[in-house]
Amino acid sequence: MVYPGAMHTRFQHALGAMHLMGRALENLRNKKIDISAEEMEAAQLAVLLHDIGHGPFSHALEESLLPAIEHESLSYLFMNELNKEFNGALDLTLKIFRNSYKRKFFHQLVSSQLDMDRLDYLKRDCFFTGVEEGTIGVDRIIAMLTVHHNELVVEEKGIYSIENFITARRLMYWQVYLHKTSVAAERMLVNLITRAKYLAHSGQSIAASESLKLFLERPVSFDEFKVKPELLGHFGNLDDNDIWGAIKFWQNDSDKILSTLSKMLIERKLFRIKFST
């Protein structure tokens, strides 16, 4: 909506995070931190799969499509299913992901305030949007990482790189992630899904793919996901195309609110943000 070059995908981000994890672990090995081949593989798999539970439009629809279910919980269920398929090959990966492995720095590399996820998306988003204020020294930060008492720490001489990382992340939120146009479009998208769910719950037929219709027509709890693997399959089938395809149909829906919001979003007639003091 704002930065035409920002067409990168979450899959690319997952691959990038896995690459950075490999580099970070090699750096720690070079500092005489004992890391086995099994731990190396498990940590890389954990960060590769950490976002597999995201649905269409990621965080934007997380609360409206599946309220009260965090994507991390769904990621864990997906990883569990993969673990069954591969006869327990992801046992250690699951422990690292859930932070139940005794060597805590592995989980901290996957999910913390200074993890490979954040390093990759900041570097990637900065590059594809062209917002130079988000530039961070990934190589320097990784080189400054070490381990103390099984916790991830940063060497003293790396403090300025970390300060720059924190500042860059803040600036990216203000200039990219919380850009007024993005916020307006996201709010319209949330309102659209909320309206479609309301109509579907009321018994009105809603044009949508089979998998999307399932989640529009009735609420699905996390407990249901745990006991019904087919629900995970339907959720895994969803992507942004399901939402855009439905919105194109909804432009001609008999419900005035649904059709108006759909036309506005397709034609880029977005909500205006009014600032007040």
Protein backbone atom coordinates (compact mmCIF):
# COMPACT_ATOMS: atom_id res chain seq x y z
CA MET A 1 0.00 0.00 0.00
CA VAL A 2 2.87 2.40 0.77
CA TYR A 3 6.16 0.89 -0.41
CA PRO A 4 5.80 -0.72 -3.89
CA GLY A 5 9.08 -2.60 -3.54
CA ALA A 6 8.03 -4.36 -0.34
CA MET A 7 6.74 -7.51 -2.04
CA HIS A 8 8.83 -9.98 -0.04
CA THR A 9 7.10 -12.93 1.60
CA ARG A 10 7.08 -14.59 5.01
CA PHE A 11 8.63 -17.68 3.40
CA GLN A 12 11.62 -15.63 2.29
CA HIS A 13 11.85 -14.22 5.80
CA ALA A 14 11.81 -17.73 7.32
CA LEU A 15 14.65 -18.82 5.05
CA GLY A 16 16.60 -15.68 5.94
CA ALA A 17 16.11 -16.24 9.67
CA MET A 18 17.32 -19.83 9.29
CA HIS A 19 20.40 -18.59 7.43
CA LEU A 20 21.20 -16.10 10.20
CA MET A 21 20.70 -18.82 12.81
CA GLY A 22 23.32 -20.94 11.07
CA ARG A 23 25.76 -18.03 11.02
CA ALA A 24 25.11 -17.19 14.68
CA LEU A 25 25.69 -20.77 15.80
CA GLU A 26 28.89 -21.04 13.75
CA ASN A 27 30.07 -17.83 15.42
CA LEU A 28 29.39 -19.33 18.85
CA ARG A 29 31.21 -22.52 17.88
CA ASN A 30 34.23 -20.43 16.89
CA LYS A 31 34.16 -18.99 20.42
CA LYS A 32 34.47 -22.53 21.83
CA ILE A 33 30.78 -22.87 22.74
CA ASP A 34 29.97 -26.57 22.46
CA ILE A 35 27.10 -27.02 19.99
CA SER A 36 26.31 -30.46 18.60
CA ALA A 37 25.17 -31.17 15.04
CA GLU A 38 21.77 -32.18 16.43
CA GLU A 39 21.40 -28.87 18.30
CA MET A 40 22.52 -26.96 15.21
CA GLU A 41 19.87 -28.60 13.03
CA ALA A 42 17.13 -28.33 15.66
CA ALA A 43 17.71 -24.61 16.23
CA GLN A 44 17.66 -23.89 12.50
CA LEU A 45 14.42 -25.86 12.10
CA ALA A 46 12.87 -24.02 15.06
CA VAL A 47 13.46 -20.61 13.49
CA LEU A 48 12.52 -21.86 10.01
CA LEU A 49 9.12 -22.99 11.32
CA HIS A 50 8.56 -20.33 13.99
CA ASP A 51 5.96 -18.44 11.91
CA ILE A 52 4.26 -21.40 10.24
CA GLY A 53 1.13 -20.70 12.31
CA HIS A 54 0.54 -17.30 10.71
CA GLY A 55 -2.65 -16.97 8.69
CA PRO A 56 -3.48 -14.63 5.79
CA PHE A 57 -2.10 -11.10 6.22
CA SER A 58 -0.26 -12.30 9.33
CA HIS A 59 -0.77 -10.06 12.38
CA ALA A 60 -3.42 -7.93 10.66
CA LEU A 61 -6.09 -10.66 10.80
CA GLU A 62 -4.80 -12.64 13.77
CA GLU A 63 -7.43 -11.28 16.15
CA SER A 64 -10.37 -11.07 13.74
CA LEU A 65 -10.09 -14.42 11.95
CA LEU A 66 -9.15 -16.54 14.99
CA PRO A 67 -9.72 -14.48 18.14
CA ALA A 68 -7.82 -15.53 21.27
CA ILE A 69 -5.55 -17.96 19.39
CA GLU A 70 -1.94 -16.82 19.08
CA HIS A 71 -0.05 -17.80 15.95
CA GLU A 72 2.77 -19.23 18.10
CA SER A 73 0.33 -21.80 19.48
CA LEU A 74 -0.69 -22.83 15.97
CA SER A 75 2.97 -22.98 14.94
CA TYR A 76 3.52 -25.47 17.76
CA LEU A 77 0.61 -27.63 16.56
CA PHE A 78 1.90 -27.60 12.98
CA MET A 79 5.36 -28.57 14.20
CA ASN A 80 3.85 -31.35 16.30
CA GLU A 81 2.13 -32.77 13.23
CA LEU A 82 5.40 -32.61 11.29
CA ASN A 83 7.14 -34.34 14.19
CA LYS A 84 4.67 -37.22 13.98
CA GLU A 85 5.17 -37.46 10.23
CA PHE A 86 8.95 -37.61 10.64
CA ASN A 87 8.89 -40.08 13.56
CA GLY A 88 10.08 -37.73 16.30
CA ALA A 89 12.83 -36.01 14.30
CA LEU A 90 11.63 -32.63 15.63
CA ASP A 91 11.66 -33.53 19.34
CA LEU A 92 14.56 -31.21 20.13
CA THR A 93 13.21 -28.55 17.78
CA LEU A 94 9.96 -28.49 19.77
CA LYS A 95 11.84 -28.20 23.06
CA ILE A 96 13.83 -25.25 21.76
CA PHE A 97 10.71 -23.60 20.35
CA ARG A 98 8.80 -24.02 23.64
CA ASN A 99 11.80 -22.93 25.73
CA SER A 100 11.88 -26.22 27.63
CA TYR A 101 15.42 -27.13 26.55
CA LYS A 102 18.03 -26.72 29.28
CA ARG A 103 20.34 -24.60 27.13
CA LYS A 104 18.24 -21.44 27.07
CA PHE A 105 20.32 -19.51 24.55
CA PHE A 106 18.92 -21.64 21.72
CA HIS A 107 15.39 -20.40 22.37
CA GLN A 108 16.68 -16.85 22.82
CA LEU A 109 18.14 -17.02 19.32
CA VAL A 110 14.68 -18.04 18.06
CA SER A 111 12.51 -15.71 20.16
CA SER A 112 13.77 -12.83 22.29
CA GLN A 113 14.40 -9.11 22.01
CA LEU A 114 17.55 -9.91 20.02
CA ASP A 115 16.72 -12.96 17.94
CA MET A 116 17.34 -14.04 14.36
CA ASP A 117 13.70 -13.33 13.51
CA ARG A 118 14.06 -9.63 14.33
CA LEU A 119 17.48 -9.32 12.73
CA ASP A 120 16.17 -10.73 9.46
CA TYR A 121 12.90 -8.83 9.19
CA LEU A 122 14.50 -5.48 10.04
CA LYS A 123 17.28 -5.96 7.50
CA ARG A 124 14.84 -7.31 4.89
CA ASP A 125 12.13 -4.69 5.41
CA CYS A 126 14.69 -1.89 5.38
CA PHE A 127 16.09 -3.12 2.06
CA PHE A 128 12.78 -3.66 0.26
CA THR A 129 11.11 -0.46 1.50
CA GLY A 130 14.18 1.68 0.98
CA VAL A 131 13.86 3.19 4.47
CA GLU A 132 17.51 3.69 5.32
CA GLU A 133 16.81 4.62 8.94
CA GLY A 134 16.15 0.93 9.57
CA THR A 135 19.66 -0.13 8.59
CA ILE A 136 21.31 -2.41 11.14
CA GLY A 137 24.70 -4.09 11.29
CA VAL A 138 23.61 -7.74 11.26
CA ASP A 139 27.14 -9.06 10.72
CA ARG A 140 28.50 -7.03 13.63
CA ILE A 141 25.66 -8.02 15.98
CA ILE A 142 26.09 -11.73 15.22
CA ALA A 143 29.85 -11.45 15.70
CA MET A 144 29.31 -9.88 19.15
CA LEU A 145 27.00 -12.64 20.46
CA THR A 146 28.28 -15.11 23.03
CA VAL A 147 26.96 -17.34 25.83
CA HIS A 148 27.28 -16.99 29.60
CA HIS A 149 25.66 -19.51 31.99
CA ASN A 150 23.60 -20.85 29.07
CA GLU A 151 22.15 -17.37 28.41
CA LEU A 152 22.67 -15.33 25.25
CA VAL A 153 24.73 -12.20 25.93
CA VAL A 154 26.49 -9.48 23.94
CA GLU A 155 30.16 -8.61 24.29
CA GLU A 156 30.78 -5.15 25.72
CA LYS A 157 32.29 -3.82 22.50
CA GLY A 158 29.05 -4.63 20.68
CA ILE A 159 26.88 -2.29 22.77
CA TYR A 160 26.77 0.46 20.13
CA SER A 161 25.53 -1.97 17.48
CA ILE A 162 22.74 -3.03 19.86
CA GLU A 163 21.81 0.60 20.54
CA ASN A 164 21.59 1.17 16.78
CA PHE A 165 19.43 -1.97 16.43
CA ILE A 166 16.97 -0.71 19.08
CA THR A 167 16.79 2.74 17.49
CA ALA A 168 16.37 1.32 13.98
CA ARG A 169 13.53 -0.94 15.12
CA ARG A 170 11.72 2.00 16.69
CA LEU A 171 12.12 4.10 13.54
CA MET A 172 10.87 1.25 11.33
CA TYR A 173 7.72 1.01 13.43
CA TRP A 174 7.00 4.70 13.05
CA GLN A 175 7.90 4.97 9.37
CA VAL A 176 6.79 1.58 8.01
CA TYR A 177 4.79 -0.72 10.28
CA LEU A 178 2.63 2.07 11.76
CA HIS A 179 2.45 4.22 8.63
CA LYS A 180 -0.97 5.87 8.54
CA THR A 181 -1.88 4.32 5.17
CA SER A 182 -0.99 0.82 6.38
CA VAL A 183 -2.92 1.35 9.61
CA ALA A 184 -5.99 2.53 7.68
CA ALA A 185 -5.91 -0.39 5.24
CA GLU A 186 -5.40 -2.87 8.08
CA ARG A 187 -8.37 -1.47 10.00
CA MET A 188 -10.58 -1.77 6.92
CA LEU A 189 -9.45 -5.36 6.41
CA VAL A 190 -10.22 -6.23 10.03
CA ASN A 191 -13.66 -4.60 9.73
CA LEU A 192 -14.32 -6.55 6.54
CA ILE A 193 -13.56 -9.92 8.11
CA THR A 194 -15.54 -8.99 11.23
CA ARG A 195 -18.55 -8.06 9.08
CA ALA A 196 -18.27 -11.21 6.96
CA LYS A 197 -18.16 -13.35 10.12
CA TYR A 198 -21.20 -11.56 11.53
CA LEU A 199 -23.18 -12.22 8.35
CA ALA A 200 -22.04 -15.84 8.14
CA HIS A 201 -22.98 -16.43 11.80
CA SER A 202 -26.40 -14.94 11.01
CA GLY A 203 -26.99 -17.58 8.35
CA GLN A 204 -26.26 -15.50 5.26
CA SER A 205 -24.37 -17.25 2.47
CA ILE A 206 -20.91 -15.71 2.07
CA ALA A 207 -18.79 -16.15 -1.05
CA ALA A 208 -15.42 -17.58 0.00
CA SER A 209 -13.12 -20.54 -0.51
CA GLU A 210 -14.03 -23.71 1.38
CA SER A 211 -11.32 -23.23 3.99
CA LEU A 212 -12.04 -19.54 4.56
CA LYS A 213 -15.78 -20.18 4.79
CA LEU A 214 -15.18 -22.72 7.56
CA PHE A 215 -13.56 -20.07 9.79
CA LEU A 216 -16.11 -17.39 8.87
CA GLU A 217 -19.18 -19.48 9.63
CA ARG A 218 -18.37 -20.49 13.19
CA PRO A 219 -15.83 -19.82 15.93
CA VAL A 220 -13.06 -22.39 16.24
CA SER A 221 -11.30 -22.87 19.58
CA PHE A 222 -7.69 -23.85 20.18
CA ASP A 223 -8.90 -27.07 21.83
CA GLU A 224 -10.63 -28.00 18.56
CA PHE A 225 -7.40 -27.45 16.65
CA LYS A 226 -5.64 -29.83 19.05
CA VAL A 227 -8.08 -32.71 18.51
CA LYS A 228 -9.05 -32.12 14.86
CA PRO A 229 -5.98 -32.15 12.57
CA GLU A 230 -8.24 -31.45 9.59
CA LEU A 231 -8.79 -27.94 10.98
CA LEU A 232 -5.05 -27.35 10.82
CA GLY A 233 -5.16 -28.54 7.23
CA HIS A 234 -7.87 -26.03 6.36
CA PHE A 235 -6.00 -23.23 8.12
CA GLY A 236 -2.80 -24.21 6.34
CA ASN A 237 -4.62 -23.92 3.01
CA LEU A 238 -5.37 -20.24 3.61
CA ASP A 239 -3.25 -17.45 2.20
CA ASP A 240 -3.69 -13.82 1.13
CA ASN A 241 -5.27 -14.93 -2.16
CA ASP A 242 -8.25 -16.42 -0.30
CA ILE A 243 -8.93 -13.03 1.27
CA TRP A 244 -8.46 -10.98 -1.91
CA GLY A 245 -10.60 -13.41 -3.92
CA ALA A 246 -13.39 -13.16 -1.36
CA ILE A 247 -13.17 -9.35 -1.26
CA LYS A 248 -13.64 -9.20 -5.04
CA PHE A 249 -16.84 -11.23 -4.70
CA TRP A 250 -17.99 -9.18 -1.70
CA GLN A 251 -17.97 -5.98 -3.79
CA ASN A 252 -21.31 -7.13 -5.20
CA ASP A 253 -22.75 -8.55 -1.98
CA SER A 254 -26.27 -7.52 -0.98
CA ASP A 255 -25.00 -6.33 2.40
CA LYS A 256 -24.24 -2.63 2.02
CA ILE A 257 -21.50 -2.53 4.66
CA LEU A 258 -19.64 -5.54 3.26
CA SER A 259 -19.85 -4.37 -0.35
CA THR A 260 -18.88 -0.77 0.45
CA LEU A 261 -15.83 -1.74 2.49
CA SER A 262 -14.78 -4.20 -0.22
CA LYS A 263 -15.06 -1.63 -3.02
CA MET A 264 -13.20 0.97 -0.98
CA LEU A 265 -10.33 -1.41 -0.30
CA ILE A 266 -10.10 -2.62 -3.91
CA GLU A 267 -10.23 0.97 -5.22
CA ARG A 268 -7.81 2.17 -2.52
CA LYS A 269 -10.30 4.61 -1.04
CA LEU A 270 -8.97 4.16 2.45
CA PHE A 271 -10.11 5.47 5.80
CA ARG A 272 -8.59 8.79 6.77
CA ILE A 273 -6.77 9.06 10.06
CA LYS A 274 -7.63 12.11 12.12
CA PHE A 275 -5.16 13.22 14.75
CA SER A 276 -6.51 15.00 17.78
CA THR A 277 -4.87 16.58 20.81
